Amino acid sequence: MFLRLLVPLDGSQLAEAALPAVRHLAETLGADVMLLHMIERKAPRAVHGQSHLTTVHDAETYLAQVAERALPGAGTVRRHVHTDQINDVARSIVAHADELQIDLIVLCTHGAGGMRHAVFGTVAQRVIALGTTPVLLIPTPARDQVAGFSCRRLLVPLDGNADHEQALEAVTRLGLGRGAQVRLLMVIHTLRDLQQTHLITSRLLPGTTVELLDASSDPAKVYLDEKVKWMKGVGAEVTTRVVRGEPVRTIVDAAREFQADLIVLGTHGTSHLEAYWAGSATPQLARKSRLPILLVPVHDGPRGPGKERSWAPS
């Protein structure tokens, strides 16, 4: 289960769009919540059109108000203001998540277009790239939308990479229960949508390439069926679908057709942002989808056993 949630807040209403999801998960999973604010060095006077929290007193008052207003009855809600001024917000979030052994970081994407913006939030982007803790990205709601969150219909794209199957482990930790639905999706490239690195082969041997693409549907179905068996204990109805097309566009269409509440992705994170984003479908999907996305950084294994958990940040 995701039993320890970290919620970084900068004092803006945009950041607070993550709170309905936090409340839902806290109530559903019985999770503890840590609200976090960090005092930035040379902070701007305003953030997203609102006064920036620049003093410890203002930040502590704000977090207390948020806990009372947005998370009543949500269980244990703790607050922490990091008083040492910092230069790198994303790196500080990751450090707090590691120190507190957080299970899930919940962030709202910022920017004029939310996830549709060219870069879907510098802080969120860097937290994903630098850390190993799963990150739930909540899109900024449109002006005519009321912020809300549901976790009853999940779309999980898979590509056959065993590393990315850690997304399935994250699904089991959401405690979906009876009535929830999970769809496992595999997208197979068409000849037109083959990546540039494969184009030479397709031009030299077009017949062979088409045969390989056609033949890949059956193994994909077998692969997904195996994952369904593995997920029997999740408590949800698990179905599969194999679709041919360009991955990002196809995932967005499949999520819309399935009426998904959440997309869950396993993704490779690295401290080198250029390497992380190069050729990655993740930022493209984040820009084109208006759904929350749970990103599960692929890592070598779980946290070391026997590590004591503590809520006392330095």
C-alpha atoms as a PDB file:
ATOM      1  CA  MET A   1       0.000   0.000   0.000  1.00  0.00           C
ATOM      2  CA  PHE A   2       0.936   3.644  -0.424  1.00  0.00           C
ATOM      3  CA  LEU A   3       0.886   4.482   3.271  1.00  0.00           C
ATOM      4  CA  ARG A   4       3.041   7.610   3.385  1.00  0.00           C
ATOM      5  CA  LEU A   5       2.200  10.481   1.072  1.00  0.00           C
ATOM      6  CA  LEU A   6       4.350  13.559   0.549  1.00  0.00           C
ATOM      7  CA  VAL A   7       2.590  16.669  -0.745  1.00  0.00           C
ATOM      8  CA  PRO A   8       4.849  19.628  -1.636  1.00  0.00           C
ATOM      9  CA  LEU A   9       2.904  22.916  -1.630  1.00  0.00           C
ATOM     10  CA  ASP A  10       4.132  26.351  -2.687  1.00  0.00           C
ATOM     11  CA  GLY A  11       1.137  28.307  -1.400  1.00  0.00           C
ATOM     12  CA  SER A  12      -0.631  28.580  -4.752  1.00  0.00           C
ATOM     13  CA  GLN A  13      -4.112  27.368  -5.665  1.00  0.00           C
ATOM     14  CA  LEU A  14      -2.568  25.511  -8.586  1.00  0.00           C
ATOM     15  CA  ALA A  15      -0.505  23.338  -6.259  1.00  0.00           C
ATOM     16  CA  GLU A  16      -3.582  22.685  -4.118  1.00  0.00           C
ATOM     17  CA  ALA A  17      -5.252  20.947  -7.062  1.00  0.00           C
ATOM     18  CA  ALA A  18      -3.391  17.843  -5.835  1.00  0.00           C
ATOM     19  CA  LEU A  19      -5.277  17.820  -2.522  1.00  0.00           C
ATOM     20  CA  PRO A  20      -8.484  15.999  -3.618  1.00  0.00           C
ATOM     21  CA  ALA A  21      -6.319  13.072  -4.741  1.00  0.00           C
ATOM     22  CA  VAL A  22      -4.407  13.192  -1.461  1.00  0.00           C
ATOM     23  CA  ARG A  23      -7.618  13.118   0.561  1.00  0.00           C
ATOM     24  CA  HIS A  24      -9.014  10.247  -1.508  1.00  0.00           C
ATOM     25  CA  LEU A  25      -5.891   8.130  -1.060  1.00  0.00           C
ATOM     26  CA  ALA A  26      -5.586   8.981   2.634  1.00  0.00           C
ATOM     27  CA  GLU A  27      -9.164   7.941   3.304  1.00  0.00           C
ATOM     28  CA  THR A  28      -9.099   4.881   1.036  1.00  0.00           C
ATOM     29  CA  LEU A  29      -5.721   3.498   2.087  1.00  0.00           C
ATOM     30  CA  GLY A  30      -5.503   4.861   5.612  1.00  0.00           C
ATOM     31  CA  ALA A  31      -2.349   6.652   4.545  1.00  0.00           C
ATOM     32  CA  ASP A  32      -0.495   9.300   6.536  1.00  0.00           C
ATOM     33  CA  VAL A  33       0.102  12.646   4.852  1.00  0.00           C
ATOM     34  CA  MET A  34       3.070  14.995   5.122  1.00  0.00           C
ATOM     35  CA  LEU A  35       2.463  18.517   3.818  1.00  0.00           C
ATOM     36  CA  LEU A  36       5.768  20.106   2.865  1.00  0.00           C
ATOM     37  CA  HIS A  37       6.843  23.658   2.151  1.00  0.00           C
ATOM     38  CA  MET A  38      10.400  24.751   1.499  1.00  0.00           C
ATOM     39  CA  ILE A  39      11.719  28.273   1.932  1.00  0.00           C
ATOM     40  CA  GLU A  40      13.462  29.219  -1.297  1.00  0.00           C
ATOM     41  CA  ARG A  41      16.539  31.388  -1.506  1.00  0.00           C
ATOM     42  CA  LYS A  42      15.845  34.552  -3.518  1.00  0.00           C
ATOM     43  CA  ALA A  43      12.245  33.477  -3.964  1.00  0.00           C
ATOM     44  CA  PRO A  44      10.029  35.541  -6.284  1.00  0.00           C
ATOM     45  CA  ARG A  45       7.452  37.819  -4.698  1.00  0.00           C
ATOM     46  CA  ALA A  46       4.620  35.929  -6.334  1.00  0.00           C
ATOM     47  CA  VAL A  47       4.034  32.384  -7.555  1.00  0.00           C
ATOM     48  CA  HIS A  48       1.319  31.711 -10.137  1.00  0.00           C
ATOM     49  CA  GLY A  49      -0.141  35.152  -9.445  1.00  0.00           C
ATOM     50  CA  GLN A  50      -0.280  34.754  -5.659  1.00  0.00           C
ATOM     51  CA  SER A  51       1.953  36.048  -2.882  1.00  0.00           C
ATOM     52  CA  HIS A  52       4.906  33.750  -2.277  1.00  0.00           C
ATOM     53  CA  LEU A  53       5.396  32.253   1.194  1.00  0.00           C
ATOM     54  CA  THR A  54       8.756  33.615   2.247  1.00  0.00           C
ATOM     55  CA  THR A  55       8.702  33.297   6.050  1.00  0.00           C
ATOM     56  CA  VAL A  56       8.504  30.257   8.296  1.00  0.00           C
ATOM     57  CA  HIS A  57       5.529  31.708  10.189  1.00  0.00           C
ATOM     58  CA  ASP A  58       3.520  32.323   7.023  1.00  0.00           C
ATOM     59  CA  ALA A  59       4.330  28.842   5.710  1.00  0.00           C
ATOM     60  CA  GLU A  60       3.394  27.112   8.975  1.00  0.00           C
ATOM     61  CA  THR A  61       0.133  29.048   9.164  1.00  0.00           C
ATOM     62  CA  TYR A  62      -0.668  28.197   5.565  1.00  0.00           C
ATOM     63  CA  LEU A  63      -0.025  24.448   5.963  1.00  0.00           C
ATOM     64  CA  ALA A  64      -2.179  24.353   9.108  1.00  0.00           C
ATOM     65  CA  GLN A  65      -5.019  26.035   7.232  1.00  0.00           C
ATOM     66  CA  VAL A  66      -4.674  23.598   4.320  1.00  0.00           C
ATOM     67  CA  ALA A  67      -4.807  20.595   6.642  1.00  0.00           C
ATOM     68  CA  GLU A  68      -7.959  21.898   8.331  1.00  0.00           C
ATOM     69  CA  ARG A  69      -9.669  23.074   5.154  1.00  0.00           C
ATOM     70  CA  ALA A  70      -8.797  20.402   2.606  1.00  0.00           C
ATOM     71  CA  LEU A  71      -7.980  17.275   4.616  1.00  0.00           C
ATOM     72  CA  PRO A  72     -10.520  17.036   7.466  1.00  0.00           C
ATOM     73  CA  GLY A  73     -10.887  13.487   8.732  1.00  0.00           C
ATOM     74  CA  ALA A  74      -8.077  12.291   6.465  1.00  0.00           C
ATOM     75  CA  GLY A  75      -6.214  10.562   9.283  1.00  0.00           C
ATOM     76  CA  THR A  76      -2.750  11.593  10.350  1.00  0.00           C
ATOM     77  CA  VAL A  77      -1.727  14.815   8.620  1.00  0.00           C
ATOM     78  CA  ARG A  78       1.665  16.226   9.529  1.00  0.00           C
ATOM     79  CA  ARG A  79       3.259  19.453   8.398  1.00  0.00           C
ATOM     80  CA  HIS A  80       6.858  20.398   7.808  1.00  0.00           C
ATOM     81  CA  VAL A  81       8.431  23.684   6.774  1.00  0.00           C
ATOM     82  CA  HIS A  82      12.020  23.282   5.654  1.00  0.00           C
ATOM     83  CA  THR A  83      13.538  26.418   7.138  1.00  0.00           C
ATOM     84  CA  ASP A  84      16.989  26.298   5.564  1.00  0.00           C
ATOM     85  CA  GLN A  85      16.741  28.286   2.363  1.00  0.00           C
ATOM     86  CA  ILE A  86      17.206  26.124  -0.722  1.00  0.00           C
ATOM     87  CA  ASN A  87      18.124  26.722  -4.346  1.00  0.00           C
ATOM     88  CA  ASP A  88      16.799  23.487  -5.868  1.00  0.00           C
ATOM     89  CA  VAL A  89      13.169  22.695  -4.999  1.00  0.00           C
ATOM     90  CA  ALA A  90      13.010  19.414  -6.910  1.00  0.00           C
ATOM     91  CA  ARG A  91      16.188  18.050  -5.341  1.00  0.00           C
ATOM     92  CA  SER A  92      14.914  19.001  -1.882  1.00  0.00           C
ATOM     93  CA  ILE A  93      11.613  17.187  -2.497  1.00  0.00           C
ATOM     94  CA  VAL A  94      13.492  14.053  -3.503  1.00  0.00           C
ATOM     95  CA  ALA A  95      15.755  14.315  -0.443  1.00  0.00           C
ATOM     96  CA  HIS A  96      12.740  14.599   1.880  1.00  0.00           C
ATOM     97  CA  ALA A  97      11.046  11.649   0.191  1.00  0.00           C
ATOM     98  CA  ASP A  98      14.143   9.516   0.681  1.00  0.00           C
ATOM     99  CA  GLU A  99      14.699  10.612   4.266  1.00  0.00           C
ATOM    100  CA  LEU A 100      11.086  10.031   5.291  1.00  0.00           C
ATOM    101  CA  GLN A 101      10.823   6.805   3.240  1.00  0.00           C
ATOM    102  CA  ILE A 102       7.794   8.179   1.432  1.00  0.00           C
ATOM    103  CA  ASP A 103       5.715   5.758  -0.643  1.00  0.00           C
ATOM    104  CA  LEU A 104       4.187   8.313  -3.005  1.00  0.00           C
ATOM    105  CA  ILE A 105       4.783  11.956  -3.932  1.00  0.00           C
ATOM    106  CA  VAL A 106       1.682  13.818  -5.096  1.00  0.00           C
ATOM    107  CA  LEU A 107       2.281  16.856  -7.298  1.00  0.00           C
ATOM    108  CA  CYS A 108       0.126  19.128  -9.371  1.00  0.00           C
ATOM    109  CA  THR A 109       1.575  20.059 -12.721  1.00  0.00           C
ATOM    110  CA  HIS A 110       1.971  23.787 -13.165  1.00  0.00           C
ATOM    111  CA  GLY A 111       2.005  25.924 -16.265  1.00  0.00           C
ATOM    112  CA  ALA A 112      -0.479  27.865 -18.322  1.00  0.00           C
ATOM    113  CA  GLY A 113      -1.684  24.751 -20.109  1.00  0.00           C
ATOM    114  CA  GLY A 114      -1.244  22.217 -17.345  1.00  0.00           C
ATOM    115  CA  MET A 115      -0.083  18.919 -18.837  1.00  0.00           C
ATOM    116  CA  ARG A 116      -0.639  20.300 -22.318  1.00  0.00           C
ATOM    117  CA  HIS A 117       2.134  22.826 -21.794  1.00  0.00           C
ATOM    118  CA  ALA A 118       5.363  22.168 -23.671  1.00  0.00           C
ATOM    119  CA  VAL A 119       7.108  21.348 -20.405  1.00  0.00           C
ATOM    120  CA  PHE A 120       4.615  20.005 -17.918  1.00  0.00           C
ATOM    121  CA  GLY A 121       6.159  21.584 -14.838  1.00  0.00           C
ATOM    122  CA  THR A 122       9.873  21.927 -14.259  1.00  0.00           C
ATOM    123  CA  VAL A 123       9.694  20.815 -10.626  1.00  0.00           C
ATOM    124  CA  ALA A 124       7.541  17.775 -11.358  1.00  0.00           C
ATOM    125  CA  GLN A 125       9.733  16.848 -14.307  1.00  0.00           C
ATOM    126  CA  ARG A 126      12.925  16.964 -12.250  1.00  0.00           C
ATOM    127  CA  VAL A 127      11.424  15.118  -9.255  1.00  0.00           C
ATOM    128  CA  ILE A 128      10.596  12.213 -11.549  1.00  0.00           C
ATOM    129  CA  ALA A 129      14.022  12.253 -13.131  1.00  0.00           C
ATOM    130  CA  LEU A 130      16.017  12.552  -9.906  1.00  0.00           C
ATOM    131  CA  GLY A 131      14.156  10.232  -7.566  1.00  0.00           C
ATOM    132  CA  THR A 132      13.079   6.630  -7.122  1.00  0.00           C
ATOM    133  CA  THR A 133       9.746   7.282  -5.392  1.00  0.00           C
ATOM    134  CA  PRO A 134       6.536   6.931  -7.439  1.00  0.00           C
ATOM    135  CA  VAL A 135       5.016  10.278  -8.392  1.00  0.00           C
ATOM    136  CA  LEU A 136       1.328  10.966  -8.919  1.00  0.00           C
ATOM    137  CA  LEU A 137       0.938  13.890 -11.324  1.00  0.00           C
ATOM    138  CA  ILE A 138      -2.361  15.727 -11.076  1.00  0.00           C
ATOM    139  CA  PRO A 139      -3.216  17.971 -14.047  1.00  0.00           C
ATOM    140  CA  THR A 140      -4.223  21.540 -13.354  1.00  0.00           C
ATOM    141  CA  PRO A 141      -8.019  21.620 -13.710  1.00  0.00           C
ATOM    142  CA  ALA A 142      -9.556  23.838 -16.345  1.00  0.00           C
ATOM    143  CA  ARG A 143     -11.373  26.938 -15.143  1.00  0.00           C
ATOM    144  CA  ASP A 144     -14.786  25.326 -15.566  1.00  0.00           C
ATOM    145  CA  GLN A 145     -13.756  22.096 -13.793  1.00  0.00           C
ATOM    146  CA  VAL A 146     -14.061  21.182 -10.143  1.00  0.00           C
ATOM    147  CA  ALA A 147     -10.965  19.413  -8.871  1.00  0.00           C
ATOM    148  CA  GLY A 148     -11.669  15.790  -8.033  1.00  0.00           C
ATOM    149  CA  PHE A 149     -10.087  12.373  -8.094  1.00  0.00           C
ATOM    150  CA  SER A 150     -11.197   8.814  -8.650  1.00  0.00           C
ATOM    151  CA  CYS A 151      -9.208   5.623  -8.849  1.00  0.00           C
ATOM    152  CA  ARG A 152     -11.713   3.077 -10.109  1.00  0.00           C
ATOM    153  CA  ARG A 153     -10.637   2.694 -13.732  1.00  0.00           C
ATOM    154  CA  LEU A 154      -6.914   2.348 -14.422  1.00  0.00           C
ATOM    155  CA  LEU A 155      -5.126   2.071 -17.751  1.00  0.00           C
ATOM    156  CA  VAL A 156      -1.694   0.419 -17.608  1.00  0.00           C
ATOM    157  CA  PRO A 157       0.319   0.554 -20.862  1.00  0.00           C
ATOM    158  CA  LEU A 158       2.986  -2.161 -21.096  1.00  0.00           C
ATOM    159  CA  ASP A 159       5.643  -2.736 -23.733  1.00  0.00           C
ATOM    160  CA  GLY A 160       6.982  -6.189 -22.838  1.00  0.00           C
ATOM    161  CA  ASN A 161       9.907  -4.711 -20.892  1.00  0.00           C
ATOM    162  CA  ALA A 162      10.089  -6.560 -17.575  1.00  0.00           C
ATOM    163  CA  ASP A 163      11.390  -3.418 -15.842  1.00  0.00           C
ATOM    164  CA  HIS A 164       8.247  -1.499 -16.720  1.00  0.00           C
ATOM    165  CA  GLU A 165       6.110  -4.179 -15.072  1.00  0.00           C
ATOM    166  CA  GLN A 166       6.849  -2.425 -11.790  1.00  0.00           C
ATOM    167  CA  ALA A 167       3.808  -0.351 -12.760  1.00  0.00           C
ATOM    168  CA  LEU A 168       1.723  -3.451 -11.996  1.00  0.00           C
ATOM    169  CA  GLU A 169       3.173  -3.586  -8.494  1.00  0.00           C
ATOM    170  CA  ALA A 170       2.095   0.028  -8.018  1.00  0.00           C
ATOM    171  CA  VAL A 171      -1.439  -0.882  -9.088  1.00  0.00           C
ATOM    172  CA  THR A 172      -1.622  -3.593  -6.424  1.00  0.00           C
ATOM    173  CA  ARG A 173      -0.574  -0.999  -3.819  1.00  0.00           C
ATOM    174  CA  LEU A 174      -3.547   1.242  -4.617  1.00  0.00           C
ATOM    175  CA  GLY A 175      -5.954  -1.107  -2.804  1.00  0.00           C
ATOM    176  CA  LEU A 176      -8.551  -0.893  -5.572  1.00  0.00           C
ATOM    177  CA  GLY A 177     -10.933  -3.549  -4.275  1.00  0.00           C
ATOM    178  CA  ARG A 178     -14.128  -4.881  -5.798  1.00  0.00           C
ATOM    179  CA  GLY A 179     -15.748  -2.830  -8.520  1.00  0.00           C
ATOM    180  CA  ALA A 180     -12.530  -1.323  -9.823  1.00  0.00           C
ATOM    181  CA  GLN A 181     -11.365  -2.044 -13.353  1.00  0.00           C
ATOM    182  CA  VAL A 182      -7.840  -2.293 -14.699  1.00  0.00           C
ATOM    183  CA  ARG A 183      -7.012  -2.478 -18.391  1.00  0.00           C
ATOM    184  CA  LEU A 184      -3.588  -3.646 -19.526  1.00  0.00           C
ATOM    185  CA  LEU A 185      -2.724  -2.168 -22.903  1.00  0.00           C
ATOM    186  CA  MET A 186      -0.019  -3.047 -25.385  1.00  0.00           C
ATOM    187  CA  VAL A 187       0.514  -0.896 -28.461  1.00  0.00           C
ATOM    188  CA  ILE A 188       2.112  -2.443 -31.542  1.00  0.00           C
ATOM    189  CA  HIS A 189       3.702  -0.149 -34.078  1.00  0.00           C
ATOM    190  CA  THR A 190       2.347  -0.013 -37.590  1.00  0.00           C
ATOM    191  CA  LEU A 191       4.821   0.134 -40.461  1.00  0.00           C
ATOM    192  CA  ARG A 192       4.228   3.890 -40.749  1.00  0.00           C
ATOM    193  CA  ASP A 193       4.847   4.471 -37.037  1.00  0.00           C
ATOM    194  CA  LEU A 194       8.094   2.536 -36.746  1.00  0.00           C
ATOM    195  CA  GLN A 195      10.803   4.573 -35.064  1.00  0.00           C
ATOM    196  CA  GLN A 196      13.460   6.139 -37.260  1.00  0.00           C
ATOM    197  CA  THR A 197      16.050   3.560 -36.165  1.00  0.00           C
ATOM    198  CA  HIS A 198      13.992   0.802 -37.777  1.00  0.00           C
ATOM    199  CA  LEU A 199      13.188   2.555 -41.048  1.00  0.00           C
ATOM    200  CA  ILE A 200      16.217   1.260 -42.945  1.00  0.00           C
ATOM    201  CA  THR A 201      15.259  -2.335 -42.225  1.00  0.00           C
ATOM    202  CA  SER A 202      11.653  -1.701 -43.199  1.00  0.00           C
ATOM    203  CA  ARG A 203      12.745  -0.183 -46.529  1.00  0.00           C
ATOM    204  CA  LEU A 204      15.137  -3.005 -47.371  1.00  0.00           C
ATOM    205  CA  LEU A 205      12.795  -5.791 -46.284  1.00  0.00           C
ATOM    206  CA  PRO A 206       9.274  -4.327 -46.280  1.00  0.00           C
ATOM    207  CA  GLY A 207       7.571  -7.700 -46.591  1.00  0.00           C
ATOM    208  CA  THR A 208       9.521  -9.184 -43.713  1.00  0.00           C
ATOM    209  CA  THR A 209       8.834  -6.142 -41.520  1.00  0.00           C
ATOM    210  CA  VAL A 210       5.087  -6.320 -42.126  1.00  0.00           C
ATOM    211  CA  GLU A 211       5.093 -10.033 -41.313  1.00  0.00           C
ATOM    212  CA  LEU A 212       6.941  -9.372 -38.062  1.00  0.00           C
ATOM    213  CA  LEU A 213       4.489  -6.647 -37.115  1.00  0.00           C
ATOM    214  CA  ASP A 214       1.515  -8.856 -37.939  1.00  0.00           C
ATOM    215  CA  ALA A 215       2.979 -11.746 -35.993  1.00  0.00           C
ATOM    216  CA  SER A 216       3.564  -9.683 -32.871  1.00  0.00           C
ATOM    217  CA  SER A 217      -0.128  -9.451 -31.942  1.00  0.00           C
ATOM    218  CA  ASP A 218      -0.484 -13.024 -30.684  1.00  0.00           C
ATOM    219  CA  PRO A 219       2.616 -12.972 -28.425  1.00  0.00           C
ATOM    220  CA  ALA A 220       1.401  -9.643 -27.045  1.00  0.00           C
ATOM    221  CA  LYS A 221      -1.934 -11.192 -26.070  1.00  0.00           C
ATOM    222  CA  VAL A 222      -0.182 -14.129 -24.428  1.00  0.00           C
ATOM    223  CA  TYR A 223       2.090 -11.755 -22.539  1.00  0.00           C
ATOM    224  CA  LEU A 224      -0.820  -9.676 -21.235  1.00  0.00           C
ATOM    225  CA  ASP A 225      -2.788 -12.776 -20.239  1.00  0.00           C
ATOM    226  CA  GLU A 226       0.164 -13.854 -18.099  1.00  0.00           C
ATOM    227  CA  LYS A 227       0.079 -10.490 -16.331  1.00  0.00           C
ATOM    228  CA  VAL A 228      -3.640 -10.890 -15.675  1.00  0.00           C
ATOM    229  CA  LYS A 229      -2.944 -14.174 -13.872  1.00  0.00           C
ATOM    230  CA  TRP A 230      -0.255 -12.477 -11.825  1.00  0.00           C
ATOM    231  CA  MET A 231      -2.691  -9.736 -10.786  1.00  0.00           C
ATOM    232  CA  LYS A 232      -5.467 -12.018  -9.544  1.00  0.00           C
ATOM    233  CA  GLY A 233      -5.026 -10.787  -5.981  1.00  0.00           C
ATOM    234  CA  VAL A 234      -5.575  -7.114  -6.819  1.00  0.00           C
ATOM    235  CA  GLY A 235      -9.318  -7.370  -6.208  1.00  0.00           C
ATOM    236  CA  ALA A 236     -10.223  -5.583  -9.434  1.00  0.00           C
ATOM    237  CA  GLU A 237     -11.489  -6.773 -12.796  1.00  0.00           C
ATOM    238  CA  VAL A 238      -8.481  -6.948 -15.115  1.00  0.00           C
ATOM    239  CA  THR A 239      -8.886  -6.922 -18.890  1.00  0.00           C
ATOM    240  CA  THR A 240      -6.429  -6.617 -21.757  1.00  0.00           C
ATOM    241  CA  ARG A 241      -6.255  -4.997 -25.147  1.00  0.00           C
ATOM    242  CA  VAL A 242      -3.706  -5.054 -27.961  1.00  0.00           C
ATOM    243  CA  VAL A 243      -3.883  -2.097 -30.355  1.00  0.00           C
ATOM    244  CA  ARG A 244      -1.871  -1.177 -33.412  1.00  0.00           C
ATOM    245  CA  GLY A 245      -0.749   2.425 -33.859  1.00  0.00           C
ATOM    246  CA  GLU A 246       1.537   5.210 -32.698  1.00  0.00           C
ATOM    247  CA  PRO A 247       2.012   4.646 -28.935  1.00  0.00           C
ATOM    248  CA  VAL A 248       1.234   8.048 -27.424  1.00  0.00           C
ATOM    249  CA  ARG A 249      -1.768   8.814 -29.589  1.00  0.00           C
ATOM    250  CA  THR A 250      -3.076   5.271 -29.142  1.00  0.00           C
ATOM    251  CA  ILE A 251      -2.708   5.376 -25.346  1.00  0.00           C
ATOM    252  CA  VAL A 252      -4.585   8.686 -25.162  1.00  0.00           C
ATOM    253  CA  ASP A 253      -7.379   7.275 -27.349  1.00  0.00           C
ATOM    254  CA  ALA A 254      -7.517   4.047 -25.337  1.00  0.00           C
ATOM    255  CA  ALA A 255      -7.755   5.990 -22.072  1.00  0.00           C
ATOM    256  CA  ARG A 256     -10.636   8.035 -23.462  1.00  0.00           C
ATOM    257  CA  GLU A 257     -12.448   4.937 -24.750  1.00  0.00           C
ATOM    258  CA  PHE A 258     -11.950   3.096 -21.436  1.00  0.00           C
ATOM    259  CA  GLN A 259     -13.018   6.220 -19.497  1.00  0.00           C
ATOM    260  CA  ALA A 260      -9.921   5.816 -17.381  1.00  0.00           C
ATOM    261  CA  ASP A 261      -9.456   7.773 -14.170  1.00  0.00           C
ATOM    262  CA  LEU A 262      -5.713   7.216 -14.040  1.00  0.00           C
ATOM    263  CA  ILE A 263      -2.842   6.097 -16.289  1.00  0.00           C
ATOM    264  CA  VAL A 264      -0.062   4.087 -14.608  1.00  0.00           C
ATOM    265  CA  LEU A 265       3.372   3.966 -16.247  1.00  0.00           C
ATOM    266  CA  GLY A 266       6.705   2.419 -15.374  1.00  0.00           C
ATOM    267  CA  THR A 267       9.458   4.745 -16.541  1.00  0.00           C
ATOM    268  CA  HIS A 268      13.231   4.986 -16.390  1.00  0.00           C
ATOM    269  CA  GLY A 269      14.398   7.915 -14.292  1.00  0.00           C
ATOM    270  CA  THR A 270      17.927   9.244 -14.244  1.00  0.00           C
ATOM    271  CA  SER A 271      19.747  12.234 -12.860  1.00  0.00           C
ATOM    272  CA  HIS A 272      20.641  13.216 -16.426  1.00  0.00           C
ATOM    273  CA  LEU A 273      17.485  14.891 -17.687  1.00  0.00           C
ATOM    274  CA  GLU A 274      18.565  14.847 -21.301  1.00  0.00           C
ATOM    275  CA  ALA A 275      19.022  11.094 -21.229  1.00  0.00           C
ATOM    276  CA  TYR A 276      15.697  10.626 -19.433  1.00  0.00           C
ATOM    277  CA  TRP A 277      13.610  12.585 -21.879  1.00  0.00           C
ATOM    278  CA  ALA A 278      15.416  11.524 -25.059  1.00  0.00           C
ATOM    279  CA  GLY A 279      13.052   9.312 -27.003  1.00  0.00           C
ATOM    280  CA  SER A 280      10.683   8.946 -24.042  1.00  0.00           C
ATOM    281  CA  ALA A 281       6.948   8.736 -24.586  1.00  0.00           C
ATOM    282  CA  THR A 282       6.273   9.891 -21.017  1.00  0.00           C
ATOM    283  CA  PRO A 283       6.452  13.680 -21.508  1.00  0.00           C
ATOM    284  CA  GLN A 284       4.491  13.415 -24.756  1.00  0.00           C
ATOM    285  CA  LEU A 285       1.757  11.457 -22.998  1.00  0.00           C
ATOM    286  CA  ALA A 286       1.724  13.931 -20.114  1.00  0.00           C
ATOM    287  CA  ARG A 287       1.243  16.807 -22.545  1.00  0.00           C
ATOM    288  CA  LYS A 288      -1.532  15.172 -24.549  1.00  0.00           C
ATOM    289  CA  SER A 289      -3.544  13.568 -21.760  1.00  0.00           C
ATOM    290  CA  ARG A 290      -5.654  15.463 -19.243  1.00  0.00           C
ATOM    291  CA  LEU A 291      -5.709  12.493 -16.860  1.00  0.00           C
ATOM    292  CA  PRO A 292      -3.716  12.001 -13.663  1.00  0.00           C
ATOM    293  CA  ILE A 293      -0.630   9.883 -14.338  1.00  0.00           C
ATOM    294  CA  LEU A 294       1.088   7.670 -11.800  1.00  0.00           C
ATOM    295  CA  LEU A 295       4.748   7.386 -12.785  1.00  0.00           C
ATOM    296  CA  VAL A 296       6.709   4.527 -11.273  1.00  0.00           C
ATOM    297  CA  PRO A 297      10.475   5.036 -11.657  1.00  0.00           C
ATOM    298  CA  VAL A 298      12.149   1.770 -12.600  1.00  0.00           C
ATOM    299  CA  HIS A 299      14.848   0.774 -10.134  1.00  0.00           C
ATOM    300  CA  ASP A 300      16.903  -2.283  -9.284  1.00  0.00           C
ATOM    301  CA  GLY A 301      14.928  -3.357  -6.253  1.00  0.00           C
ATOM    302  CA  PRO A 302      12.945  -2.274  -3.217  1.00  0.00           C
ATOM    303  CA  ARG A 303      14.359  -0.217  -0.401  1.00  0.00           C
ATOM    304  CA  GLY A 304      16.807  -2.041   1.794  1.00  0.00           C
ATOM    305  CA  PRO A 305      15.206  -4.149   4.529  1.00  0.00           C
ATOM    306  CA  GLY A 306      15.331  -3.057   8.111  1.00  0.00           C
ATOM    307  CA  LYS A 307      15.432   0.671   7.432  1.00  0.00           C
ATOM    308  CA  GLU A 308      13.645   2.487  10.221  1.00  0.00           C
ATOM    309  CA  ARG A 309      10.925   4.858   9.136  1.00  0.00           C
ATOM    310  CA  SER A 310      10.880   8.291  10.748  1.00  0.00           C
ATOM    311  CA  TRP A 311       8.676  11.348  10.350  1.00  0.00           C
ATOM    312  CA  ALA A 312      11.301  13.705  11.761  1.00  0.00           C
ATOM    313  CA  PRO A 313      12.887  15.521   8.806  1.00  0.00           C
ATOM    314  CA  SER A 314      16.159  17.342   9.289  1.00  0.00           C
END
